[in-house]
Amino acid sequence: MLQVQKNAGDRALALLEGPFAGLTPAQLELRQMVLDSVPAASSKLAYGHALDHLFAFSAGQPLSRSLLQEWRASMDTLAPSTINVRLSAARKLVEEARRNGMLGAEEAASLTDVPNREGDGTLLLAKHGSQRPDVFSRAGD
């Protein structure tokens, strides 16, 4: 039997096509708007996962700045880049809701000012010991 191997983009899109139990029609609509606004399959996958995580965390509570800050704090054990991708997805959600008349400009502005998590460089240091590699030096210097 011949098996066709799908590329990563096809797999990512296939994961996004199934039903999403527990989401309200408004959440499903907003989720789809966000996913339609990003072109890369990997971004669709990451943003979809982030929004599903946000919707599960909110447990039906209305979106607020304090809820987003609490959500950000709950992800403290994750890598800063993961947290920042998830926050980007939430910002995109707010932007799409504003553009489609679901949120006012002032409310949207208050929801999008939750700051990113700053990285501390520990992964680079863990990989290279106490000395950081000089990534800007020319070969042979």
Protein backbone atom coordinates (compact mmCIF):
# COMPACT_ATOMS: atom_id res chain seq x y z
CA MET A 1 0.00 0.00 0.00
CA LEU A 2 1.37 3.40 -1.00
CA GLN A 3 1.43 6.00 1.73
CA VAL A 4 1.63 9.65 0.80
CA GLN A 5 3.68 11.67 3.24
CA LYS A 6 2.27 15.13 3.88
CA ASN A 7 4.48 18.11 4.50
CA ALA A 8 4.39 20.07 7.78
CA GLY A 9 2.07 22.70 6.31
CA ASP A 10 -0.50 20.10 5.28
CA ARG A 11 -0.36 18.49 8.73
CA ALA A 12 -0.77 21.87 10.42
CA LEU A 13 -3.79 22.74 8.30
CA ALA A 14 -5.34 19.30 8.87
CA LEU A 15 -5.15 19.84 12.63
CA LEU A 16 -7.07 23.09 12.25
CA GLU A 17 -9.98 21.60 10.33
CA GLY A 18 -11.59 19.52 13.08
CA PRO A 19 -14.44 20.56 15.37
CA PHE A 20 -13.58 22.49 18.53
CA ALA A 21 -15.81 21.32 21.34
CA GLY A 22 -16.45 23.81 24.09
CA LEU A 23 -15.95 27.00 22.07
CA THR A 24 -18.87 29.38 21.65
CA PRO A 25 -19.91 30.43 18.14
CA ALA A 26 -18.33 33.87 18.75
CA GLN A 27 -15.06 32.26 19.85
CA LEU A 28 -15.07 29.99 16.81
CA GLU A 29 -15.71 32.95 14.52
CA LEU A 30 -12.95 35.05 16.08
CA ARG A 31 -10.56 32.10 16.06
CA GLN A 32 -11.17 31.58 12.35
CA MET A 33 -10.72 35.32 11.63
CA VAL A 34 -7.34 35.24 13.33
CA LEU A 35 -6.22 32.10 11.52
CA ASP A 36 -7.37 33.54 8.19
CA SER A 37 -5.27 36.66 8.83
CA VAL A 38 -1.93 34.83 9.13
CA PRO A 39 -0.46 33.27 5.98
CA ALA A 40 1.96 30.61 7.26
CA ALA A 41 0.66 27.17 8.24
CA SER A 42 3.03 27.10 11.22
CA SER A 43 1.62 30.45 12.42
CA LYS A 44 -1.92 29.16 12.02
CA LEU A 45 -1.02 26.15 14.13
CA ALA A 46 0.74 28.18 16.84
CA TYR A 47 -1.97 30.86 16.97
CA GLY A 48 -4.74 28.26 16.99
CA HIS A 49 -3.10 26.48 19.91
CA ALA A 50 -2.59 29.77 21.75
CA LEU A 51 -6.22 30.84 21.28
CA ASP A 52 -7.50 27.44 22.39
CA HIS A 53 -5.33 27.80 25.50
CA LEU A 54 -6.68 31.32 26.12
CA PHE A 55 -10.31 30.25 25.67
CA ALA A 56 -9.82 27.30 28.04
CA PHE A 57 -8.09 29.53 30.59
CA SER A 58 -10.81 32.19 30.45
CA ALA A 59 -13.54 29.58 31.12
CA GLY A 60 -16.25 31.83 29.73
CA GLN A 61 -15.09 35.01 31.48
CA PRO A 62 -15.12 38.13 29.32
CA LEU A 63 -11.76 39.16 27.93
CA SER A 64 -10.15 41.86 30.07
CA ARG A 65 -6.69 43.26 30.66
CA SER A 66 -6.54 41.62 34.09
CA LEU A 67 -7.51 38.25 32.59
CA LEU A 68 -4.76 38.57 29.97
CA GLN A 69 -2.22 39.48 32.66
CA GLU A 70 -3.33 36.50 34.75
CA TRP A 71 -3.05 34.27 31.66
CA ARG A 72 0.46 35.60 30.98
CA ALA A 73 1.48 34.92 34.58
CA SER A 74 0.10 31.36 34.37
CA MET A 75 2.55 30.63 31.55
CA ASP A 76 5.63 31.62 33.57
CA THR A 77 7.19 28.16 33.30
CA LEU A 78 7.17 28.31 29.48
CA ALA A 79 9.95 29.74 27.32
CA PRO A 80 9.68 33.50 26.75
CA SER A 81 9.30 32.93 23.00
CA THR A 82 6.32 30.63 23.59
CA ILE A 83 4.68 33.16 25.88
CA ASN A 84 5.27 35.94 23.36
CA VAL A 85 3.77 33.94 20.48
CA ARG A 86 0.70 33.28 22.60
CA LEU A 87 0.43 36.96 23.52
CA SER A 88 0.77 37.85 19.82
CA ALA A 89 -2.15 35.57 19.05
CA ALA A 90 -4.23 37.28 21.75
CA ARG A 91 -3.32 40.70 20.31
CA LYS A 92 -4.33 39.49 16.85
CA LEU A 93 -7.63 38.28 18.33
CA VAL A 94 -8.30 41.72 19.81
CA GLU A 95 -7.31 43.42 16.55
CA GLU A 96 -9.69 41.23 14.53
CA ALA A 97 -12.51 41.82 17.03
CA ARG A 98 -11.95 45.59 16.76
CA ARG A 99 -11.82 45.53 12.96
CA ASN A 100 -15.08 43.60 12.84
CA GLY A 101 -16.94 45.90 15.22
CA MET A 102 -16.96 43.52 18.19
CA LEU A 103 -14.77 45.81 20.32
CA GLY A 104 -14.32 49.55 20.54
CA ALA A 105 -10.94 51.14 19.82
CA GLU A 106 -10.43 52.22 23.44
CA GLU A 107 -11.22 48.78 24.85
CA ALA A 108 -9.00 47.13 22.24
CA ALA A 109 -6.12 49.45 23.16
CA SER A 110 -6.38 48.48 26.82
CA LEU A 111 -6.31 44.78 25.92
CA THR A 112 -3.26 44.94 23.68
CA ASP A 113 -0.85 46.63 26.07
CA VAL A 114 0.01 43.48 28.07
CA PRO A 115 3.80 43.38 27.71
CA ASN A 116 5.81 40.56 26.20
CA ARG A 117 7.98 38.40 28.41
CA GLU A 118 11.62 39.39 28.18
CA GLY A 119 14.13 36.62 27.59
CA ASP A 120 17.11 36.38 29.89
CA GLY A 121 19.52 34.58 27.57
CA THR A 122 19.73 31.50 29.78
CA LEU A 123 19.33 29.13 26.83
CA LEU A 124 22.32 30.69 25.08
CA LEU A 125 24.40 30.55 28.24
CA ALA A 126 23.38 26.98 28.98
CA LYS A 127 24.43 25.94 25.49
CA HIS A 128 27.80 27.74 25.45
CA GLY A 129 28.80 27.85 29.10
CA SER A 130 29.66 31.15 30.73
CA GLN A 131 31.12 32.57 27.51
CA ARG A 132 28.76 33.81 24.86
CA PRO A 133 29.85 33.11 21.31
CA ASP A 134 30.78 36.16 19.29
CA VAL A 135 28.17 35.81 16.57
CA PHE A 136 29.21 39.07 14.92
CA SER A 137 32.88 38.24 14.39
CA ARG A 138 34.08 37.53 10.88
CA ALA A 139 35.51 34.15 10.01
CA GLY A 140 39.24 34.05 10.60
CA ASP A 141 39.31 36.95 13.10
